[in-house]
């Protein structure tokens, strides 16, 4: 994975964590809502663990977090 991709994965994970916390959800609650393990959600949100995820699951996460999918990709520069 290129350095640029690693940064994008990191930013995606941090954005998911931000909206999850904003909604008052635990990693376990989000994981259960999208049928993933808590460990997978934890790895996804961890800034030092670039973790892949399917588009289907990203759409599910956006639905649970009640944000448009595009919001998950609005990275801060």
PDB file of N, CA and C in Angstrom:
ATOM      1  N   UNK A   1       0.851  -1.177   0.000  1.00  0.00           N
ATOM      2  CA  UNK A   1       0.000   0.000   0.000  1.00  0.00           C
ATOM      3  C   UNK A   1       0.896   1.238   0.000  1.00  0.00           C
ATOM      4  N   UNK A   2       0.543   2.186  -0.838  1.00  0.00           N
ATOM      5  CA  UNK A   2       1.352   3.397  -0.921  1.00  0.00           C
ATOM      6  C   UNK A   2       1.133   4.278   0.296  1.00  0.00           C
ATOM      7  N   UNK A   3       2.069   5.157   0.498  1.00  0.00           N
ATOM      8  CA  UNK A   3       1.976   6.080   1.628  1.00  0.00           C
ATOM      9  C   UNK A   3       0.703   6.920   1.538  1.00  0.00           C
ATOM     10  N   UNK A   4       0.359   7.338   0.328  1.00  0.00           N
ATOM     11  CA  UNK A   4      -0.848   8.156   0.137  1.00  0.00           C
ATOM     12  C   UNK A   4      -2.097   7.375   0.531  1.00  0.00           C
ATOM     13  N   UNK A   5      -2.166   6.118   0.123  1.00  0.00           N
ATOM     14  CA  UNK A   5      -3.318   5.283   0.477  1.00  0.00           C
ATOM     15  C   UNK A   5      -3.384   5.063   1.986  1.00  0.00           C
ATOM     16  N   UNK A   6      -2.244   4.836   2.594  1.00  0.00           N
ATOM     17  CA  UNK A   6      -2.234   4.644   4.041  1.00  0.00           C
ATOM     18  C   UNK A   6      -2.811   5.863   4.742  1.00  0.00           C
ATOM     19  N   UNK A   7      -2.459   7.042   4.268  1.00  0.00           N
ATOM     20  CA  UNK A   7      -2.986   8.270   4.855  1.00  0.00           C
ATOM     21  C   UNK A   7      -4.495   8.364   4.652  1.00  0.00           C
ATOM     22  N   UNK A   8      -4.974   7.956   3.481  1.00  0.00           N
ATOM     23  CA  UNK A   8      -6.411   7.997   3.215  1.00  0.00           C
ATOM     24  C   UNK A   8      -7.168   7.001   4.091  1.00  0.00           C
ATOM     25  N   UNK A   9      -6.610   5.796   4.260  1.00  0.00           N
ATOM     26  CA  UNK A   9      -7.235   4.820   5.150  1.00  0.00           C
ATOM     27  C   UNK A   9      -7.284   5.372   6.577  1.00  0.00           C
ATOM     28  N   UNK A  10      -6.182   5.997   7.002  1.00  0.00           N
ATOM     29  CA  UNK A  10      -6.121   6.574   8.353  1.00  0.00           C
ATOM     30  C   UNK A  10      -7.191   7.649   8.522  1.00  0.00           C
ATOM     31  N   UNK A  11      -7.298   8.522   7.537  1.00  0.00           N
ATOM     32  CA  UNK A  11      -8.285   9.594   7.613  1.00  0.00           C
ATOM     33  C   UNK A  11      -9.712   9.057   7.592  1.00  0.00           C
ATOM     34  N   UNK A  12      -9.948   8.033   6.779  1.00  0.00           N
ATOM     35  CA  UNK A  12     -11.280   7.422   6.748  1.00  0.00           C
ATOM     36  C   UNK A  12     -11.631   6.853   8.122  1.00  0.00           C
ATOM     37  N   UNK A  13     -10.691   6.139   8.725  1.00  0.00           N
ATOM     38  CA  UNK A  13     -10.925   5.563  10.048  1.00  0.00           C
ATOM     39  C   UNK A  13     -11.184   6.614  11.113  1.00  0.00           C
ATOM     40  N   UNK A  14     -10.409   7.687  11.071  1.00  0.00           N
ATOM     41  CA  UNK A  14     -10.606   8.769  12.041  1.00  0.00           C
ATOM     42  C   UNK A  14     -11.945   9.465  11.837  1.00  0.00           C
ATOM     43  N   UNK A  15     -12.364   9.583  10.594  1.00  0.00           N
ATOM     44  CA  UNK A  15     -13.660  10.206  10.299  1.00  0.00           C
ATOM     45  C   UNK A  15     -14.799   9.323  10.804  1.00  0.00           C
ATOM     46  N   UNK A  16     -14.693   8.024  10.595  1.00  0.00           N
ATOM     47  CA  UNK A  16     -15.705   7.094  11.110  1.00  0.00           C
ATOM     48  C   UNK A  16     -15.756   7.181  12.636  1.00  0.00           C
ATOM     49  N   UNK A  17     -14.604   7.203  13.276  1.00  0.00           N
ATOM     50  CA  UNK A  17     -14.553   7.307  14.743  1.00  0.00           C
ATOM     51  C   UNK A  17     -15.208   8.604  15.208  1.00  0.00           C
ATOM     52  N   UNK A  18     -14.941   9.699  14.507  1.00  0.00           N
ATOM     53  CA  UNK A  18     -15.518  10.996  14.866  1.00  0.00           C
ATOM     54  C   UNK A  18     -17.049  10.932  14.843  1.00  0.00           C
ATOM     55  N   UNK A  19     -17.610  10.450  13.742  1.00  0.00           N
ATOM     56  CA  UNK A  19     -19.072  10.402  13.634  1.00  0.00           C
ATOM     57  C   UNK A  19     -19.684   9.365  14.566  1.00  0.00           C
ATOM     58  N   UNK A  20     -18.964   8.277  14.827  1.00  0.00           N
ATOM     59  CA  UNK A  20     -19.465   7.277  15.772  1.00  0.00           C
ATOM     60  C   UNK A  20     -19.593   7.893  17.163  1.00  0.00           C
ATOM     61  N   UNK A  21     -18.553   8.608  17.579  1.00  0.00           N
ATOM     62  CA  UNK A  21     -18.579   9.242  18.898  1.00  0.00           C
ATOM     63  C   UNK A  21     -19.621  10.353  18.956  1.00  0.00           C
ATOM     64  N   UNK A  22     -19.768  11.085  17.853  1.00  0.00           N
ATOM     65  CA  UNK A  22     -20.774  12.148  17.782  1.00  0.00           C
ATOM     66  C   UNK A  22     -22.179  11.583  17.990  1.00  0.00           C
ATOM     67  N   UNK A  23     -22.419  10.373  17.497  1.00  0.00           N
ATOM     68  CA  UNK A  23     -23.719   9.709  17.651  1.00  0.00           C
ATOM     69  C   UNK A  23     -23.849   9.002  18.997  1.00  0.00           C
ATOM     70  N   UNK A  24     -22.755   8.980  19.787  1.00  0.00           N
ATOM     71  CA  UNK A  24     -22.808   8.343  21.095  1.00  0.00           C
ATOM     72  C   UNK A  24     -22.786   6.826  21.029  1.00  0.00           C
ATOM     73  N   UNK A  25     -22.191   6.276  19.974  1.00  0.00           N
ATOM     74  CA  UNK A  25     -22.136   4.824  19.813  1.00  0.00           C
ATOM     75  C   UNK A  25     -20.776   4.289  20.234  1.00  0.00           C
ATOM     76  N   UNK A  26     -20.768   3.095  20.786  1.00  0.00           N
ATOM     77  CA  UNK A  26     -19.514   2.397  21.063  1.00  0.00           C
ATOM     78  C   UNK A  26     -19.084   1.666  19.793  1.00  0.00           C
ATOM     79  N   UNK A  27     -17.838   1.229  19.780  1.00  0.00           N
ATOM     80  CA  UNK A  27     -17.381   0.419  18.653  1.00  0.00           C
ATOM     81  C   UNK A  27     -18.221  -0.853  18.540  1.00  0.00           C
ATOM     82  N   UNK A  28     -18.590  -1.426  19.665  1.00  0.00           N
ATOM     83  CA  UNK A  28     -19.397  -2.650  19.657  1.00  0.00           C
ATOM     84  C   UNK A  28     -20.776  -2.393  19.054  1.00  0.00           C
ATOM     85  N   UNK A  29     -21.391  -1.283  19.408  1.00  0.00           N
ATOM     86  CA  UNK A  29     -22.709  -0.966  18.852  1.00  0.00           C
ATOM     87  C   UNK A  29     -22.636  -0.770  17.338  1.00  0.00           C
ATOM     88  N   UNK A  30     -21.615  -0.067  16.874  1.00  0.00           N
ATOM     89  CA  UNK A  30     -21.442   0.119  15.437  1.00  0.00           C
ATOM     90  C   UNK A  30     -21.175  -1.222  14.766  1.00  0.00           C
ATOM     91  N   UNK A  31     -20.308  -2.018  15.352  1.00  0.00           N
ATOM     92  CA  UNK A  31     -19.976  -3.332  14.788  1.00  0.00           C
ATOM     93  C   UNK A  31     -21.221  -4.206  14.652  1.00  0.00           C
ATOM     94  N   UNK A  32     -22.032  -4.226  15.700  1.00  0.00           N
ATOM     95  CA  UNK A  32     -23.256  -5.031  15.654  1.00  0.00           C
ATOM     96  C   UNK A  32     -24.218  -4.499  14.600  1.00  0.00           C
ATOM     97  N   UNK A  33     -24.285  -3.180  14.458  1.00  0.00           N
ATOM     98  CA  UNK A  33     -25.190  -2.573  13.488  1.00  0.00           C
ATOM     99  C   UNK A  33     -24.835  -2.873  12.042  1.00  0.00           C
ATOM    100  N   UNK A  34     -23.553  -3.120  11.786  1.00  0.00           N
ATOM    101  CA  UNK A  34     -23.121  -3.386  10.409  1.00  0.00           C
ATOM    102  C   UNK A  34     -22.629  -4.821  10.226  1.00  0.00           C
ATOM    103  N   UNK A  35     -22.824  -5.642  11.258  1.00  0.00           N
ATOM    104  CA  UNK A  35     -22.467  -7.064  11.192  1.00  0.00           C
ATOM    105  C   UNK A  35     -20.972  -7.278  10.926  1.00  0.00           C
ATOM    106  N   UNK A  36     -20.147  -6.572  11.686  1.00  0.00           N
ATOM    107  CA  UNK A  36     -18.699  -6.759  11.676  1.00  0.00           C
ATOM    108  C   UNK A  36     -18.253  -7.008  13.113  1.00  0.00           C
ATOM    109  N   UNK A  37     -17.045  -7.486  13.282  1.00  0.00           N
ATOM    110  CA  UNK A  37     -16.526  -7.664  14.639  1.00  0.00           C
ATOM    111  C   UNK A  37     -16.089  -6.308  15.202  1.00  0.00           C
ATOM    112  N   UNK A  38     -16.103  -6.213  16.534  1.00  0.00           N
ATOM    113  CA  UNK A  38     -15.622  -4.989  17.165  1.00  0.00           C
ATOM    114  C   UNK A  38     -14.153  -4.778  16.835  1.00  0.00           C
ATOM    115  N   UNK A  39     -13.410  -5.873  16.739  1.00  0.00           N
ATOM    116  CA  UNK A  39     -11.988  -5.782  16.398  1.00  0.00           C
ATOM    117  C   UNK A  39     -11.803  -5.155  15.021  1.00  0.00           C
ATOM    118  N   UNK A  40     -12.651  -5.524  14.066  1.00  0.00           N
ATOM    119  CA  UNK A  40     -12.532  -4.948  12.721  1.00  0.00           C
ATOM    120  C   UNK A  40     -12.802  -3.443  12.759  1.00  0.00           C
ATOM    121  N   UNK A  41     -13.820  -3.031  13.506  1.00  0.00           N
ATOM    122  CA  UNK A  41     -14.115  -1.598  13.651  1.00  0.00           C
ATOM    123  C   UNK A  41     -12.946  -0.904  14.338  1.00  0.00           C
ATOM    124  N   UNK A  42     -12.412  -1.521  15.378  1.00  0.00           N
ATOM    125  CA  UNK A  42     -11.269  -0.951  16.092  1.00  0.00           C
ATOM    126  C   UNK A  42     -10.078  -0.781  15.153  1.00  0.00           C
ATOM    127  N   UNK A  43      -9.789  -1.810  14.365  1.00  0.00           N
ATOM    128  CA  UNK A  43      -8.680  -1.730  13.409  1.00  0.00           C
ATOM    129  C   UNK A  43      -8.936  -0.669  12.348  1.00  0.00           C
ATOM    130  N   UNK A  44     -10.173  -0.557  11.916  1.00  0.00           N
ATOM    131  CA  UNK A  44     -10.538   0.442  10.912  1.00  0.00           C
ATOM    132  C   UNK A  44     -10.296   1.857  11.439  1.00  0.00           C
ATOM    133  N   UNK A  45     -10.632   2.078  12.695  1.00  0.00           N
ATOM    134  CA  UNK A  45     -10.485   3.407  13.298  1.00  0.00           C
ATOM    135  C   UNK A  45      -9.063   3.709  13.760  1.00  0.00           C
ATOM    136  N   UNK A  46      -8.244   2.688  13.935  1.00  0.00           N
ATOM    137  CA  UNK A  46      -6.884   2.890  14.449  1.00  0.00           C
ATOM    138  C   UNK A  46      -6.020   3.601  13.406  1.00  0.00           C
ATOM    139  N   UNK A  47      -5.397   4.715  13.781  1.00  0.00           N
ATOM    140  CA  UNK A  47      -4.624   5.487  12.813  1.00  0.00           C
ATOM    141  C   UNK A  47      -3.397   4.762  12.266  1.00  0.00           C
ATOM    142  N   UNK A  48      -2.908   3.755  12.963  1.00  0.00           N
ATOM    143  CA  UNK A  48      -1.696   3.074  12.515  1.00  0.00           C
ATOM    144  C   UNK A  48      -1.961   1.691  11.928  1.00  0.00           C
ATOM    145  N   UNK A  49      -3.240   1.385  11.636  1.00  0.00           N
ATOM    146  CA  UNK A  49      -3.593   0.063  11.118  1.00  0.00           C
ATOM    147  C   UNK A  49      -4.454   0.192   9.867  1.00  0.00           C
ATOM    148  N   UNK A  50      -3.855   0.465   8.704  1.00  0.00           N
ATOM    149  CA  UNK A  50      -4.661   0.563   7.484  1.00  0.00           C
ATOM    150  C   UNK A  50      -5.441  -0.737   7.261  1.00  0.00           C
ATOM    151  N   UNK A  51      -6.749  -0.671   7.339  1.00  0.00           N
ATOM    152  CA  UNK A  51      -7.609  -1.848   7.254  1.00  0.00           C
ATOM    153  C   UNK A  51      -8.623  -1.644   6.131  1.00  0.00           C
ATOM    154  N   UNK A  52      -8.723  -2.624   5.269  1.00  0.00           N
ATOM    155  CA  UNK A  52      -9.660  -2.503   4.147  1.00  0.00           C
ATOM    156  C   UNK A  52     -11.082  -2.825   4.605  1.00  0.00           C
ATOM    157  N   UNK A  53     -12.029  -2.324   3.815  1.00  0.00           N
ATOM    158  CA  UNK A  53     -13.440  -2.550   4.100  1.00  0.00           C
ATOM    159  C   UNK A  53     -14.197  -2.466   2.773  1.00  0.00           C
ATOM    160  N   UNK A  54     -15.239  -3.237   2.649  1.00  0.00           N
ATOM    161  CA  UNK A  54     -16.004  -3.236   1.397  1.00  0.00           C
ATOM    162  C   UNK A  54     -16.861  -1.977   1.293  1.00  0.00           C
ATOM    163  N   UNK A  55     -17.199  -1.630   0.077  1.00  0.00           N
ATOM    164  CA  UNK A  55     -18.094  -0.482  -0.135  1.00  0.00           C
ATOM    165  C   UNK A  55     -19.445  -0.726   0.513  1.00  0.00           C
ATOM    166  N   UNK A  56     -19.930  -1.949   0.443  1.00  0.00           N
ATOM    167  CA  UNK A  56     -21.214  -2.295   1.063  1.00  0.00           C
ATOM    168  C   UNK A  56     -21.195  -1.967   2.553  1.00  0.00           C
ATOM    169  N   UNK A  57     -20.102  -2.332   3.233  1.00  0.00           N
ATOM    170  CA  UNK A  57     -20.000  -2.060   4.669  1.00  0.00           C
ATOM    171  C   UNK A  57     -19.847  -0.566   4.936  1.00  0.00           C
ATOM    172  N   UNK A  58     -19.156   0.158   4.048  1.00  0.00           N
ATOM    173  CA  UNK A  58     -19.054   1.613   4.213  1.00  0.00           C
ATOM    174  C   UNK A  58     -20.426   2.267   4.113  1.00  0.00           C
ATOM    175  N   UNK A  59     -21.246   1.807   3.162  1.00  0.00           N
ATOM    176  CA  UNK A  59     -22.609   2.335   3.056  1.00  0.00           C
ATOM    177  C   UNK A  59     -23.402   2.008   4.321  1.00  0.00           C
ATOM    178  N   UNK A  60     -23.224   0.790   4.847  1.00  0.00           N
ATOM    179  CA  UNK A  60     -23.907   0.404   6.087  1.00  0.00           C
ATOM    180  C   UNK A  60     -23.469   1.294   7.252  1.00  0.00           C
ATOM    181  N   UNK A  61     -22.174   1.552   7.350  1.00  0.00           N
ATOM    182  CA  UNK A  61     -21.654   2.416   8.420  1.00  0.00           C
ATOM    183  C   UNK A  61     -22.251   3.812   8.305  1.00  0.00           C
ATOM    184  N   UNK A  62     -22.272   4.362   7.090  1.00  0.00           N
ATOM    185  CA  UNK A  62     -22.856   5.691   6.885  1.00  0.00           C
ATOM    186  C   UNK A  62     -24.326   5.704   7.311  1.00  0.00           C
ATOM    187  N   UNK A  63     -25.057   4.626   6.989  1.00  0.00           N
ATOM    188  CA  UNK A  63     -26.474   4.541   7.385  1.00  0.00           C
ATOM    189  C   UNK A  63     -26.614   4.552   8.902  1.00  0.00           C
ATOM    190  N   UNK A  64     -25.822   3.736   9.587  1.00  0.00           N
ATOM    191  CA  UNK A  64     -25.897   3.667  11.053  1.00  0.00           C
ATOM    192  C   UNK A  64     -25.524   5.018  11.672  1.00  0.00           C
ATOM    193  N   UNK A  65     -24.519   5.669  11.090  1.00  0.00           N
ATOM    194  CA  UNK A  65     -24.066   6.957  11.620  1.00  0.00           C
ATOM    195  C   UNK A  65     -24.948   8.117  11.176  1.00  0.00           C
ATOM    196  N   UNK A  66     -25.903   7.809  10.290  1.00  0.00           N
ATOM    197  CA  UNK A  66     -26.854   8.807   9.774  1.00  0.00           C
ATOM    198  C   UNK A  66     -26.144   9.995   9.136  1.00  0.00           C
ATOM    199  N   UNK A  67     -25.152   9.673   8.286  1.00  0.00           N
ATOM    200  CA  UNK A  67     -24.446  10.695   7.513  1.00  0.00           C
ATOM    201  C   UNK A  67     -24.400  10.233   6.059  1.00  0.00           C
ATOM    202  N   UNK A  68     -24.399  11.171   5.117  1.00  0.00           N
ATOM    203  CA  UNK A  68     -24.212  10.776   3.720  1.00  0.00           C
ATOM    204  C   UNK A  68     -22.839  10.122   3.555  1.00  0.00           C
ATOM    205  N   UNK A  69     -22.755   9.121   2.698  1.00  0.00           N
ATOM    206  CA  UNK A  69     -21.487   8.415   2.502  1.00  0.00           C
ATOM    207  C   UNK A  69     -20.359   9.381   2.154  1.00  0.00           C
ATOM    208  N   UNK A  70     -20.674  10.437   1.429  1.00  0.00           N
ATOM    209  CA  UNK A  70     -19.645  11.401   1.024  1.00  0.00           C
ATOM    210  C   UNK A  70     -18.979  12.053   2.232  1.00  0.00           C
ATOM    211  N   UNK A  71     -19.700  12.185   3.350  1.00  0.00           N
ATOM    212  CA  UNK A  71     -19.131  12.778   4.562  1.00  0.00           C
ATOM    213  C   UNK A  71     -17.940  11.989   5.079  1.00  0.00           C
ATOM    214  N   UNK A  72     -17.973  10.682   4.871  1.00  0.00           N
ATOM    215  CA  UNK A  72     -16.878   9.850   5.369  1.00  0.00           C
ATOM    216  C   UNK A  72     -15.574  10.111   4.619  1.00  0.00           C
ATOM    217  N   UNK A  73     -15.697  10.755   3.454  1.00  0.00           N
ATOM    218  CA  UNK A  73     -14.513  11.037   2.630  1.00  0.00           C
ATOM    219  C   UNK A  73     -14.142  12.514   2.602  1.00  0.00           C
ATOM    220  N   UNK A  74     -14.737  13.289   3.471  1.00  0.00           N
ATOM    221  CA  UNK A  74     -14.382  14.711   3.581  1.00  0.00           C
ATOM    222  C   UNK A  74     -13.229  14.825   4.556  1.00  0.00           C
ATOM    223  N   UNK A  75     -12.032  14.569   4.051  1.00  0.00           N
ATOM    224  CA  UNK A  75     -10.838  14.584   4.883  1.00  0.00           C
ATOM    225  C   UNK A  75     -10.355  15.988   5.119  1.00  0.00           C
ATOM    226  N   UNK A  76      -9.880  16.222   6.331  1.00  0.00           N
ATOM    227  CA  UNK A  76      -9.261  17.510   6.634  1.00  0.00           C
ATOM    228  C   UNK A  76      -7.859  17.505   6.052  1.00  0.00           C
ATOM    229  N   UNK A  77      -7.483  18.612   5.444  1.00  0.00           N
ATOM    230  CA  UNK A  77      -6.154  18.710   4.822  1.00  0.00           C
ATOM    231  C   UNK A  77      -5.101  18.996   5.847  1.00  0.00           C
TER     232      UNK A  77
END
